[in-house]
């Protein structure tokens, strides 16, 4: 993988030696450095790419991801919106926008972005799971469960909901969710039972 990355880097650099205004080569270098985990250098190349050609939606998307990592959510949101304006039929762009809004704490807008993504790809499990997380943050637990259920099977939905309840110290609700997960899928027994035990111990400690 490292060798392929180095080869790609070399090819893009050779292209730029011949044509220093070739936007796609800058985008390509940005992707190479992104894969290498060198996000600062990747950002510079993506910015140069869109300076030369503002219609490179993938460069905007990668910039959004980089800004999310840096917790620069407003910048990330702007980049995702630019990517969507160029390529409005990609569900993952709406998912990425939703995630940025979610990380910013704007859960209502995140939900709207996820629904837009699901209009394009109604079977996208990743978006349904993220939608469930946003509903949970708004304490809309039934909607969260229904979204989790579409993202996974029903047992996994209960398990995911139980994990969120546990994390937020809603121990009684967590116990009910884990017990339901075990009932529906005995294969969940080990994971769910461990969390079930934690939730019960926390309740006992409070008594």
N, C-alpha and C. Protein backbone atom coordinates (compact mmCIF):
# COMPACT_ATOMS: atom_id res chain seq x y z
N UNK A 1 0.83 -1.21 0.00
CA UNK A 1 0.00 0.00 0.00
C UNK A 1 0.87 1.27 0.00
N UNK A 2 1.92 1.23 0.86
CA UNK A 2 2.82 2.38 0.94
C UNK A 2 3.52 2.61 -0.40
N UNK A 3 3.92 1.51 -1.05
CA UNK A 3 4.61 1.62 -2.35
C UNK A 3 3.69 2.23 -3.39
N UNK A 4 2.42 1.78 -3.40
CA UNK A 4 1.44 2.32 -4.35
C UNK A 4 1.21 3.80 -4.11
N UNK A 5 1.15 4.18 -2.83
CA UNK A 5 0.95 5.59 -2.48
C UNK A 5 2.13 6.43 -2.96
N UNK A 6 3.33 5.93 -2.75
CA UNK A 6 4.53 6.65 -3.20
C UNK A 6 4.56 6.77 -4.72
N UNK A 7 4.13 5.71 -5.41
CA UNK A 7 4.10 5.74 -6.87
C UNK A 7 3.09 6.77 -7.37
N UNK A 8 1.91 6.80 -6.73
CA UNK A 8 0.88 7.77 -7.11
C UNK A 8 1.39 9.19 -6.87
N UNK A 9 2.01 9.41 -5.73
CA UNK A 9 2.58 10.72 -5.40
C UNK A 9 3.57 11.16 -6.47
N UNK A 10 4.44 10.25 -6.86
CA UNK A 10 5.46 10.56 -7.87
C UNK A 10 4.81 10.91 -9.21
N UNK A 11 3.77 10.16 -9.59
CA UNK A 11 3.09 10.42 -10.86
C UNK A 11 2.45 11.80 -10.88
N UNK A 12 1.76 12.16 -9.79
CA UNK A 12 1.11 13.47 -9.73
C UNK A 12 2.15 14.59 -9.75
N UNK A 13 3.26 14.39 -9.07
CA UNK A 13 4.32 15.40 -9.06
C UNK A 13 4.91 15.58 -10.46
N UNK A 14 5.05 14.48 -11.20
CA UNK A 14 5.57 14.56 -12.57
C UNK A 14 4.61 15.32 -13.47
N UNK A 15 3.31 15.08 -13.28
CA UNK A 15 2.30 15.81 -14.06
C UNK A 15 2.41 17.31 -13.79
N UNK A 16 2.57 17.67 -12.51
CA UNK A 16 2.65 19.09 -12.16
C UNK A 16 3.94 19.74 -12.65
N UNK A 17 4.97 18.95 -12.81
CA UNK A 17 6.21 19.48 -13.39
C UNK A 17 6.00 19.88 -14.85
N UNK A 18 5.09 19.17 -15.51
CA UNK A 18 4.78 19.48 -16.92
C UNK A 18 3.69 20.54 -17.03
N UNK A 19 2.76 20.55 -16.07
CA UNK A 19 1.65 21.51 -16.11
C UNK A 19 1.29 21.89 -14.68
N UNK A 20 1.79 23.02 -14.23
CA UNK A 20 1.62 23.43 -12.83
C UNK A 20 0.22 23.94 -12.51
N UNK A 21 -0.64 24.01 -13.53
CA UNK A 21 -2.01 24.48 -13.31
C UNK A 21 -3.04 23.36 -13.46
N UNK A 22 -2.61 22.12 -13.32
CA UNK A 22 -3.52 20.99 -13.51
C UNK A 22 -4.19 20.66 -12.18
N UNK A 23 -5.44 21.10 -12.05
CA UNK A 23 -6.15 21.01 -10.77
C UNK A 23 -6.29 19.58 -10.27
N UNK A 24 -6.58 18.65 -11.18
CA UNK A 24 -6.80 17.26 -10.76
C UNK A 24 -5.54 16.63 -10.16
N UNK A 25 -4.38 17.09 -10.61
CA UNK A 25 -3.13 16.57 -10.04
C UNK A 25 -2.97 17.04 -8.59
N UNK A 26 -3.35 18.30 -8.34
CA UNK A 26 -3.30 18.80 -6.95
C UNK A 26 -4.29 18.02 -6.07
N UNK A 27 -5.48 17.78 -6.63
CA UNK A 27 -6.46 16.98 -5.89
C UNK A 27 -5.91 15.58 -5.61
N UNK A 28 -5.27 15.00 -6.63
CA UNK A 28 -4.68 13.67 -6.46
C UNK A 28 -3.63 13.64 -5.37
N UNK A 29 -2.78 14.66 -5.34
CA UNK A 29 -1.76 14.73 -4.28
C UNK A 29 -2.42 14.91 -2.91
N UNK A 30 -3.50 15.68 -2.89
CA UNK A 30 -4.23 15.83 -1.63
C UNK A 30 -4.74 14.50 -1.11
N UNK A 31 -5.26 13.68 -2.02
CA UNK A 31 -5.77 12.36 -1.63
C UNK A 31 -4.64 11.45 -1.15
N UNK A 32 -3.50 11.54 -1.81
CA UNK A 32 -2.34 10.73 -1.40
C UNK A 32 -1.92 11.09 0.02
N UNK A 33 -1.77 12.39 0.28
CA UNK A 33 -1.35 12.82 1.62
C UNK A 33 -2.43 12.53 2.66
N UNK A 34 -3.70 12.60 2.25
CA UNK A 34 -4.79 12.25 3.16
C UNK A 34 -4.67 10.79 3.57
N UNK A 35 -4.43 9.91 2.60
CA UNK A 35 -4.26 8.48 2.90
C UNK A 35 -3.05 8.23 3.79
N UNK A 36 -2.05 9.07 3.66
CA UNK A 36 -0.84 8.93 4.48
C UNK A 36 -1.03 9.51 5.88
N UNK A 37 -2.17 10.17 6.09
CA UNK A 37 -2.43 10.77 7.40
C UNK A 37 -1.78 12.13 7.59
N UNK A 38 -1.26 12.70 6.50
CA UNK A 38 -0.63 14.02 6.57
C UNK A 38 -1.67 15.06 6.16
N UNK A 39 -2.57 15.36 7.10
CA UNK A 39 -3.76 16.15 6.76
C UNK A 39 -3.45 17.61 6.48
N UNK A 40 -2.43 18.15 7.13
CA UNK A 40 -2.04 19.53 6.85
C UNK A 40 -1.58 19.71 5.41
N UNK A 41 -0.76 18.80 4.94
CA UNK A 41 -0.28 18.87 3.55
C UNK A 41 -1.43 18.58 2.58
N UNK A 42 -2.28 17.63 2.95
CA UNK A 42 -3.44 17.32 2.11
C UNK A 42 -4.31 18.55 1.93
N UNK A 43 -4.56 19.26 3.03
CA UNK A 43 -5.39 20.47 2.97
C UNK A 43 -4.83 21.48 1.98
N UNK A 44 -3.53 21.69 2.00
CA UNK A 44 -2.90 22.67 1.09
C UNK A 44 -3.13 22.30 -0.37
N UNK A 45 -3.01 21.01 -0.67
CA UNK A 45 -3.20 20.58 -2.06
C UNK A 45 -4.66 20.66 -2.48
N UNK A 46 -5.57 20.32 -1.58
CA UNK A 46 -7.00 20.44 -1.92
C UNK A 46 -7.38 21.90 -2.14
N UNK A 47 -6.86 22.79 -1.31
CA UNK A 47 -7.14 24.22 -1.48
C UNK A 47 -6.60 24.74 -2.81
N UNK A 48 -5.42 24.28 -3.19
CA UNK A 48 -4.85 24.68 -4.48
C UNK A 48 -5.70 24.13 -5.62
N UNK A 49 -6.19 22.91 -5.46
CA UNK A 49 -7.02 22.29 -6.51
C UNK A 49 -8.29 23.10 -6.75
N UNK A 50 -8.97 23.50 -5.66
CA UNK A 50 -10.24 24.24 -5.86
C UNK A 50 -9.99 25.70 -6.22
N UNK A 51 -8.79 26.19 -5.93
CA UNK A 51 -8.42 27.53 -6.42
C UNK A 51 -8.37 27.52 -7.94
N UNK A 52 -7.90 26.41 -8.50
CA UNK A 52 -7.80 26.28 -9.96
C UNK A 52 -9.11 25.83 -10.59
N UNK A 53 -9.88 25.03 -9.86
CA UNK A 53 -11.15 24.53 -10.37
C UNK A 53 -12.10 24.31 -9.20
N UNK A 54 -12.99 25.27 -8.99
CA UNK A 54 -13.88 25.24 -7.82
C UNK A 54 -14.96 24.17 -7.92
N UNK A 55 -15.05 23.48 -9.07
CA UNK A 55 -16.07 22.45 -9.25
C UNK A 55 -15.59 21.04 -8.88
N UNK A 56 -14.44 20.92 -8.26
CA UNK A 56 -13.94 19.60 -7.85
C UNK A 56 -14.61 19.22 -6.52
N UNK A 57 -15.75 18.56 -6.64
CA UNK A 57 -16.55 18.28 -5.44
C UNK A 57 -15.83 17.36 -4.45
N UNK A 58 -15.02 16.45 -4.96
CA UNK A 58 -14.32 15.55 -4.03
C UNK A 58 -13.28 16.31 -3.20
N UNK A 59 -12.66 17.31 -3.78
CA UNK A 59 -11.72 18.13 -3.02
C UNK A 59 -12.45 18.86 -1.89
N UNK A 60 -13.64 19.40 -2.21
CA UNK A 60 -14.45 20.05 -1.17
C UNK A 60 -14.82 19.05 -0.07
N UNK A 61 -15.20 17.85 -0.47
CA UNK A 61 -15.58 16.83 0.51
C UNK A 61 -14.40 16.46 1.43
N UNK A 62 -13.24 16.26 0.83
CA UNK A 62 -12.06 15.92 1.64
C UNK A 62 -11.69 17.07 2.58
N UNK A 63 -11.83 18.29 2.11
CA UNK A 63 -11.57 19.43 2.99
C UNK A 63 -12.54 19.42 4.17
N UNK A 64 -13.80 19.09 3.88
CA UNK A 64 -14.78 18.99 4.96
C UNK A 64 -14.36 17.97 6.01
N UNK A 65 -13.89 16.82 5.56
CA UNK A 65 -13.44 15.77 6.48
C UNK A 65 -12.25 16.25 7.31
N UNK A 66 -11.32 16.93 6.66
CA UNK A 66 -10.15 17.46 7.37
C UNK A 66 -10.57 18.48 8.42
N UNK A 67 -11.49 19.39 8.04
CA UNK A 67 -11.93 20.41 8.99
C UNK A 67 -12.71 19.79 10.15
N UNK A 68 -13.47 18.73 9.88
CA UNK A 68 -14.13 18.03 10.98
C UNK A 68 -13.11 17.49 11.98
N UNK A 69 -12.03 16.92 11.46
CA UNK A 69 -10.97 16.39 12.33
C UNK A 69 -10.35 17.49 13.19
N UNK A 70 -10.32 18.69 12.63
CA UNK A 70 -9.74 19.84 13.33
C UNK A 70 -10.78 20.56 14.20
N UNK A 71 -12.01 20.01 14.21
CA UNK A 71 -13.12 20.61 14.96
C UNK A 71 -13.48 22.01 14.43
N UNK A 72 -13.19 22.26 13.17
CA UNK A 72 -13.59 23.51 12.51
C UNK A 72 -14.89 23.24 11.77
N UNK A 73 -15.96 23.08 12.54
CA UNK A 73 -17.20 22.55 11.97
C UNK A 73 -17.86 23.50 10.98
N UNK A 74 -17.80 24.81 11.22
CA UNK A 74 -18.40 25.75 10.27
C UNK A 74 -17.72 25.68 8.91
N UNK A 75 -16.39 25.58 8.93
CA UNK A 75 -15.65 25.43 7.67
C UNK A 75 -16.01 24.12 6.99
N UNK A 76 -16.11 23.06 7.77
CA UNK A 76 -16.46 21.74 7.21
C UNK A 76 -17.84 21.79 6.57
N UNK A 77 -18.80 22.39 7.27
CA UNK A 77 -20.17 22.48 6.75
C UNK A 77 -20.19 23.23 5.43
N UNK A 78 -19.44 24.33 5.35
CA UNK A 78 -19.37 25.11 4.10
C UNK A 78 -18.83 24.25 2.95
N UNK A 79 -17.80 23.46 3.24
CA UNK A 79 -17.21 22.62 2.19
C UNK A 79 -18.17 21.53 1.74
N UNK A 80 -18.87 20.90 2.67
CA UNK A 80 -19.84 19.87 2.28
C UNK A 80 -20.97 20.47 1.44
N UNK A 81 -21.41 21.67 1.81
CA UNK A 81 -22.47 22.33 1.05
C UNK A 81 -22.00 22.65 -0.38
N UNK A 82 -20.75 23.06 -0.50
CA UNK A 82 -20.20 23.31 -1.84
C UNK A 82 -20.14 22.02 -2.65
N UNK A 83 -19.72 20.94 -2.00
CA UNK A 83 -19.67 19.64 -2.69
C UNK A 83 -21.06 19.22 -3.15
N UNK A 84 -22.06 19.42 -2.28
CA UNK A 84 -23.44 19.05 -2.62
C UNK A 84 -23.98 19.90 -3.76
N UNK A 85 -23.64 21.19 -3.77
CA UNK A 85 -24.14 22.06 -4.84
C UNK A 85 -23.61 21.61 -6.21
N UNK A 86 -22.43 20.99 -6.21
CA UNK A 86 -21.83 20.49 -7.45
C UNK A 86 -22.34 19.09 -7.78
N UNK A 87 -22.49 18.27 -6.76
CA UNK A 87 -22.90 16.87 -6.94
C UNK A 87 -24.04 16.55 -5.97
N UNK A 88 -25.27 16.98 -6.32
CA UNK A 88 -26.40 16.85 -5.37
C UNK A 88 -26.99 15.45 -5.26
N UNK A 89 -26.46 14.49 -5.99
CA UNK A 89 -27.06 13.15 -5.99
C UNK A 89 -26.19 12.11 -5.28
N UNK A 90 -25.32 12.56 -4.41
CA UNK A 90 -24.46 11.65 -3.66
C UNK A 90 -24.92 11.63 -2.20
N UNK A 91 -25.47 10.51 -1.77
CA UNK A 91 -26.02 10.40 -0.42
C UNK A 91 -24.96 10.60 0.65
N UNK A 92 -23.74 10.14 0.38
CA UNK A 92 -22.67 10.22 1.38
C UNK A 92 -22.31 11.68 1.69
N UNK A 93 -22.45 12.57 0.72
CA UNK A 93 -22.18 13.98 0.99
C UNK A 93 -23.16 14.52 2.02
N UNK A 94 -24.43 14.12 1.90
CA UNK A 94 -25.42 14.54 2.89
C UNK A 94 -25.14 13.90 4.25
N UNK A 95 -24.66 12.66 4.23
CA UNK A 95 -24.27 12.02 5.48
C UNK A 95 -23.14 12.79 6.15
N UNK A 96 -22.14 13.18 5.36
CA UNK A 96 -21.00 13.91 5.91
C UNK A 96 -21.42 15.27 6.46
N UNK A 97 -22.32 15.94 5.72
CA UNK A 97 -22.86 17.21 6.21
C UNK A 97 -23.60 16.99 7.53
N UNK A 98 -24.41 15.94 7.57
CA UNK A 98 -25.15 15.63 8.80
C UNK A 98 -24.22 15.36 9.97
N UNK A 99 -23.13 14.63 9.72
CA UNK A 99 -22.19 14.32 10.79
C UNK A 99 -21.53 15.59 11.33
N UNK A 100 -21.21 16.51 10.43
CA UNK A 100 -20.58 17.76 10.86
C UNK A 100 -21.54 18.58 11.71
N UNK A 101 -22.79 18.64 11.28
CA UNK A 101 -23.82 19.35 12.05
C UNK A 101 -24.03 18.67 13.40
N UNK A 102 -24.00 17.34 13.40
CA UNK A 102 -24.14 16.56 14.63
C UNK A 102 -23.00 16.89 15.60
N UNK A 103 -21.77 16.89 15.09
CA UNK A 103 -20.61 17.17 15.93
C UNK A 103 -20.66 18.60 16.48
N UNK A 104 -21.26 19.49 15.71
CA UNK A 104 -21.42 20.87 16.15
C UNK A 104 -22.52 20.99 17.21
N UNK A 105 -23.36 19.96 17.31
CA UNK A 105 -24.46 19.99 18.28
C UNK A 105 -25.77 20.47 17.70
N UNK A 106 -25.82 20.63 16.37
CA UNK A 106 -27.05 21.09 15.70
C UNK A 106 -27.81 19.86 15.20
N UNK A 107 -28.49 19.18 16.13
CA UNK A 107 -29.07 17.87 15.83
C UNK A 107 -30.25 17.93 14.87
N UNK A 108 -31.07 18.98 14.98
CA UNK A 108 -32.22 19.12 14.07
C UNK A 108 -31.76 19.24 12.62
N UNK A 109 -30.77 20.09 12.39
CA UNK A 109 -30.25 20.26 11.02
C UNK A 109 -29.55 18.99 10.55
N UNK A 110 -28.89 18.30 11.48
CA UNK A 110 -28.25 17.03 11.12
C UNK A 110 -29.29 16.04 10.62
N UNK A 111 -30.41 15.96 11.33
CA UNK A 111 -31.49 15.05 10.93
C UNK A 111 -32.00 15.39 9.53
N UNK A 112 -32.16 16.68 9.26
CA UNK A 112 -32.64 17.09 7.93
C UNK A 112 -31.64 16.67 6.85
N UNK A 113 -30.36 16.81 7.14
CA UNK A 113 -29.33 16.40 6.17
C UNK A 113 -29.38 14.89 5.94
N UNK A 114 -29.52 14.13 7.02
CA UNK A 114 -29.60 12.67 6.88
C UNK A 114 -30.81 12.26 6.04
N UNK A 115 -31.95 12.91 6.28
CA UNK A 115 -33.14 12.56 5.49
C UNK A 115 -32.93 12.86 4.01
N UNK A 116 -32.23 13.95 3.72
CA UNK A 116 -31.94 14.26 2.31
C UNK A 116 -31.08 13.15 1.70
N UNK A 117 -30.12 12.66 2.46
CA UNK A 117 -29.29 11.55 1.98
C UNK A 117 -30.11 10.29 1.75
N UNK A 118 -31.06 10.04 2.64
CA UNK A 118 -31.89 8.83 2.52
C UNK A 118 -32.88 8.93 1.36
N UNK A 119 -33.22 10.14 0.95
CA UNK A 119 -34.05 10.29 -0.26
C UNK A 119 -33.31 9.77 -1.48
N UNK A 120 -31.99 9.92 -1.46
CA UNK A 120 -31.16 9.46 -2.57
C UNK A 120 -30.86 7.98 -2.46
N UNK A 121 -30.55 7.53 -1.26
CA UNK A 121 -30.20 6.12 -1.02
C UNK A 121 -30.95 5.63 0.22
N UNK A 122 -32.15 5.12 -0.01
CA UNK A 122 -33.04 4.76 1.10
C UNK A 122 -32.61 3.51 1.85
N UNK A 123 -31.57 2.83 1.38
CA UNK A 123 -31.11 1.61 2.06
C UNK A 123 -29.74 1.79 2.72
N UNK A 124 -29.32 3.04 2.85
CA UNK A 124 -27.98 3.30 3.39
C UNK A 124 -27.98 3.12 4.91
N UNK A 125 -27.39 2.03 5.37
CA UNK A 125 -27.41 1.70 6.79
C UNK A 125 -26.61 2.69 7.64
N UNK A 126 -25.51 3.18 7.07
CA UNK A 126 -24.69 4.13 7.82
C UNK A 126 -25.48 5.38 8.17
N UNK A 127 -26.25 5.89 7.18
CA UNK A 127 -27.03 7.10 7.42
C UNK A 127 -28.13 6.83 8.45
N UNK A 128 -28.78 5.67 8.37
CA UNK A 128 -29.81 5.34 9.36
C UNK A 128 -29.23 5.30 10.77
N UNK A 129 -28.05 4.71 10.92
CA UNK A 129 -27.43 4.66 12.25
C UNK A 129 -27.10 6.06 12.76
N UNK A 130 -26.58 6.91 11.88
CA UNK A 130 -26.28 8.28 12.28
C UNK A 130 -27.55 9.05 12.61
N UNK A 131 -28.61 8.79 11.85
CA UNK A 131 -29.91 9.40 12.14
C UNK A 131 -30.38 8.99 13.53
N UNK A 132 -30.20 7.72 13.86
CA UNK A 132 -30.58 7.24 15.19
C UNK A 132 -29.84 7.96 16.29
N UNK A 133 -28.55 8.21 16.09
CA UNK A 133 -27.76 8.94 17.09
C UNK A 133 -28.28 10.35 17.29
N UNK A 134 -28.67 11.01 16.19
CA UNK A 134 -29.18 12.38 16.28
C UNK A 134 -30.52 12.40 17.00
N UNK A 135 -31.41 11.46 16.67
CA UNK A 135 -32.69 11.39 17.38
C UNK A 135 -32.47 11.15 18.87
N UNK A 136 -31.50 10.30 19.19
CA UNK A 136 -31.23 10.01 20.59
C UNK A 136 -30.81 11.27 21.34
N UNK A 137 -29.98 12.10 20.72
CA UNK A 137 -29.52 13.32 21.37
C UNK A 137 -30.68 14.27 21.66
N UNK A 138 -31.74 14.17 20.86
CA UNK A 138 -32.93 15.00 21.08
C UNK A 138 -33.94 14.31 21.99
N UNK A 139 -33.53 13.17 22.56
CA UNK A 139 -34.37 12.36 23.46
C UNK A 139 -35.63 11.85 22.76
N UNK A 140 -35.52 11.66 21.44
CA UNK A 140 -36.60 11.05 20.67
C UNK A 140 -36.26 9.57 20.51
N UNK A 141 -36.51 8.82 21.59
CA UNK A 141 -35.99 7.45 21.68
C UNK A 141 -36.68 6.48 20.73
N UNK A 142 -37.98 6.67 20.52
CA UNK A 142 -38.69 5.77 19.59
C UNK A 142 -38.17 5.96 18.17
N UNK A 143 -37.99 7.24 17.77
CA UNK A 143 -37.46 7.52 16.44
C UNK A 143 -36.03 6.99 16.30
N UNK A 144 -35.26 7.12 17.38
CA UNK A 144 -33.89 6.61 17.37
C UNK A 144 -33.89 5.10 17.15
N UNK A 145 -34.78 4.41 17.88
CA UNK A 145 -34.84 2.96 17.75
C UNK A 145 -35.23 2.55 16.33
N UNK A 146 -36.23 3.23 15.75
CA UNK A 146 -36.67 2.89 14.40
C UNK A 146 -35.55 3.11 13.38
N UNK A 147 -34.78 4.17 13.58
CA UNK A 147 -33.65 4.44 12.67
C UNK A 147 -32.58 3.37 12.84
N UNK A 148 -32.25 3.01 14.09
CA UNK A 148 -31.27 1.95 14.33
C UNK A 148 -31.73 0.64 13.71
N UNK A 149 -33.03 0.39 13.78
CA UNK A 149 -33.58 -0.87 13.26
C UNK A 149 -33.39 -0.96 11.75
N UNK A 150 -33.51 0.17 11.08
CA UNK A 150 -33.30 0.18 9.63
C UNK A 150 -31.81 0.13 9.29
N UNK A 151 -30.99 0.58 10.23
CA UNK A 151 -29.55 0.51 10.02
C UNK A 151 -29.00 -0.88 10.26
N UNK A 152 -29.66 -1.62 11.15
CA UNK A 152 -29.23 -2.98 11.48
C UNK A 152 -30.48 -3.83 11.64
N UNK A 153 -30.34 -5.02 12.24
CA UNK A 153 -31.52 -5.80 12.58
C UNK A 153 -32.07 -5.30 13.92
N UNK A 154 -33.23 -5.82 14.31
CA UNK A 154 -33.92 -5.31 15.51
C UNK A 154 -33.10 -5.54 16.78
N UNK A 155 -32.46 -6.70 16.88
CA UNK A 155 -31.66 -6.99 18.07
C UNK A 155 -30.50 -6.00 18.21
N UNK A 156 -29.85 -5.71 17.09
CA UNK A 156 -28.73 -4.76 17.12
C UNK A 156 -29.23 -3.36 17.47
N UNK A 157 -30.43 -3.02 17.00
CA UNK A 157 -31.02 -1.72 17.32
C UNK A 157 -31.21 -1.59 18.83
N UNK A 158 -31.73 -2.64 19.46
CA UNK A 158 -31.89 -2.60 20.92
C UNK A 158 -30.53 -2.50 21.61
N UNK A 159 -29.57 -3.24 21.10
CA UNK A 159 -28.23 -3.21 21.70
C UNK A 159 -27.62 -1.81 21.59
N UNK A 160 -27.71 -1.20 20.40
CA UNK A 160 -27.17 0.15 20.21
C UNK A 160 -27.86 1.15 21.13
N UNK A 161 -29.18 1.03 21.23
CA UNK A 161 -29.94 1.92 22.10
C UNK A 161 -29.52 1.71 23.56
N UNK A 162 -29.32 0.45 23.93
CA UNK A 162 -28.88 0.14 25.29
C UNK A 162 -27.53 0.77 25.60
N UNK A 163 -26.62 0.72 24.63
CA UNK A 163 -25.28 1.31 24.83
C UNK A 163 -25.38 2.82 25.05
N UNK A 164 -26.28 3.47 24.31
CA UNK A 164 -26.46 4.91 24.48
C UNK A 164 -27.08 5.23 25.84
N UNK A 165 -28.08 4.44 26.23
CA UNK A 165 -28.66 4.63 27.56
C UNK A 165 -27.60 4.47 28.64
N UNK A 166 -26.77 3.45 28.51
CA UNK A 166 -25.74 3.17 29.50
C UNK A 166 -24.74 4.33 29.58
N UNK A 167 -24.34 4.82 28.42
CA UNK A 167 -23.37 5.92 28.37
C UNK A 167 -23.93 7.17 29.04
N UNK A 168 -25.25 7.34 28.96
CA UNK A 168 -25.89 8.53 29.52
C UNK A 168 -26.53 8.26 30.88
N UNK A 169 -26.11 7.15 31.51
CA UNK A 169 -26.49 6.80 32.88
C UNK A 169 -28.00 6.59 33.04
N UNK A 170 -28.66 6.17 31.96
CA UNK A 170 -30.07 5.78 32.04
C UNK A 170 -30.11 4.26 32.20
N UNK A 171 -29.82 3.81 33.42
CA UNK A 171 -29.52 2.40 33.63
C UNK A 171 -30.75 1.49 33.49
N UNK A 172 -31.90 1.93 33.98
CA UNK A 172 -33.10 1.09 33.86
C UNK A 172 -33.47 0.88 32.40
N UNK A 173 -33.40 1.96 31.62
CA UNK A 173 -33.71 1.86 30.20
C UNK A 173 -32.68 0.97 29.50
N UNK A 174 -31.41 1.09 29.92
CA UNK A 174 -30.35 0.27 29.33
C UNK A 174 -30.62 -1.21 29.59
N UNK A 175 -31.01 -1.55 30.82
CA UNK A 175 -31.30 -2.95 31.16
C UNK A 175 -32.39 -3.51 30.27
N UNK A 176 -33.47 -2.74 30.10
CA UNK A 176 -34.58 -3.20 29.26
C UNK A 176 -34.13 -3.44 27.82
N UNK A 177 -33.31 -2.52 27.32
CA UNK A 177 -32.85 -2.64 25.93
C UNK A 177 -31.93 -3.85 25.76
N UNK A 178 -31.00 -4.05 26.68
CA UNK A 178 -30.08 -5.20 26.58
C UNK A 178 -30.83 -6.53 26.72
N UNK A 179 -31.80 -6.57 27.63
CA UNK A 179 -32.58 -7.80 27.81
C UNK A 179 -33.35 -8.14 26.53
N UNK A 180 -33.86 -7.10 25.87
CA UNK A 180 -34.60 -7.31 24.62
C UNK A 180 -33.65 -7.80 23.52
N UNK A 181 -32.44 -7.24 23.48
CA UNK A 181 -31.45 -7.66 22.48
C UNK A 181 -31.11 -9.14 22.66
N UNK A 182 -30.93 -9.56 23.92
CA UNK A 182 -30.60 -10.95 24.21
C UNK A 182 -31.76 -11.87 23.85
N UNK A 183 -32.97 -11.40 24.13
CA UNK A 183 -34.17 -12.20 23.82
C UNK A 183 -34.29 -12.44 22.31
N UNK A 184 -34.02 -11.39 21.53
CA UNK A 184 -34.18 -11.49 20.08
C UNK A 184 -33.01 -12.22 19.41
N UNK A 185 -31.82 -12.06 19.96
CA UNK A 185 -30.65 -12.70 19.35
C UNK A 185 -29.72 -13.22 20.45
N UNK A 186 -29.86 -14.49 20.79
CA UNK A 186 -29.01 -15.06 21.84
C UNK A 186 -27.52 -14.88 21.57
N UNK A 187 -27.16 -14.73 20.30
CA UNK A 187 -25.76 -14.51 19.96
C UNK A 187 -25.20 -13.22 20.54
N UNK A 188 -26.10 -12.32 20.93
CA UNK A 188 -25.69 -11.08 21.57
C UNK A 188 -25.39 -11.27 23.05
N UNK A 189 -25.57 -12.49 23.51
CA UNK A 189 -25.55 -12.73 24.95
C UNK A 189 -24.31 -12.17 25.63
N UNK A 190 -23.12 -12.46 25.09
CA UNK A 190 -21.89 -12.07 25.79
C UNK A 190 -21.77 -10.55 25.89
N UNK A 191 -21.88 -9.86 24.74
CA UNK A 191 -21.74 -8.40 24.74
C UNK A 191 -22.84 -7.74 25.56
N UNK A 192 -24.08 -8.12 25.27
CA UNK A 192 -25.21 -7.49 25.94
C UNK A 192 -25.21 -7.83 27.43
N UNK A 193 -24.85 -9.07 27.76
CA UNK A 193 -24.86 -9.47 29.17
C UNK A 193 -23.82 -8.70 29.97
N UNK A 194 -22.66 -8.44 29.38
CA UNK A 194 -21.63 -7.66 30.07
C UNK A 194 -22.15 -6.26 30.39
N UNK A 195 -22.79 -5.64 29.41
CA UNK A 195 -23.33 -4.29 29.62
C UNK A 195 -24.53 -4.31 30.57
N UNK A 196 -25.31 -5.38 30.48
CA UNK A 196 -26.44 -5.55 31.39
C UNK A 196 -25.95 -5.60 32.83
N UNK A 197 -24.89 -6.33 33.05
CA UNK A 197 -24.30 -6.46 34.38
C UNK A 197 -23.82 -5.09 34.89
N UNK A 198 -23.19 -4.31 34.01
CA UNK A 198 -22.71 -2.97 34.39
C UNK A 198 -23.88 -2.09 34.82
N UNK A 199 -24.96 -2.12 34.01
CA UNK A 199 -26.14 -1.29 34.30
C UNK A 199 -26.76 -1.67 35.64
N UNK A 200 -26.87 -2.97 35.91
CA UNK A 200 -27.45 -3.42 37.18
C UNK A 200 -26.57 -3.03 38.37
N UNK A 201 -25.26 -3.14 38.19
CA UNK A 201 -24.34 -2.75 39.26
C UNK A 201 -24.44 -1.25 39.56
N UNK A 202 -24.62 -0.45 38.52
CA UNK A 202 -24.74 1.00 38.72
C UNK A 202 -26.01 1.34 39.49
N UNK A 203 -27.09 0.62 39.19
CA UNK A 203 -28.34 0.85 39.92
C UNK A 203 -28.17 0.48 41.39
N UNK A 204 -27.52 -0.66 41.64
CA UNK A 204 -27.28 -1.10 43.02
C UNK A 204 -26.41 -0.11 43.78
N UNK A 205 -25.43 0.47 43.11
CA UNK A 205 -24.54 1.44 43.76
C UNK A 205 -25.28 2.71 44.15
N UNK A 206 -26.35 3.02 43.40
CA UNK A 206 -27.12 4.23 43.69
C UNK A 206 -28.10 4.03 44.84
N UNK A 207 -28.45 2.76 45.07
CA UNK A 207 -29.45 2.47 46.11
C UNK A 207 -28.85 2.55 47.51
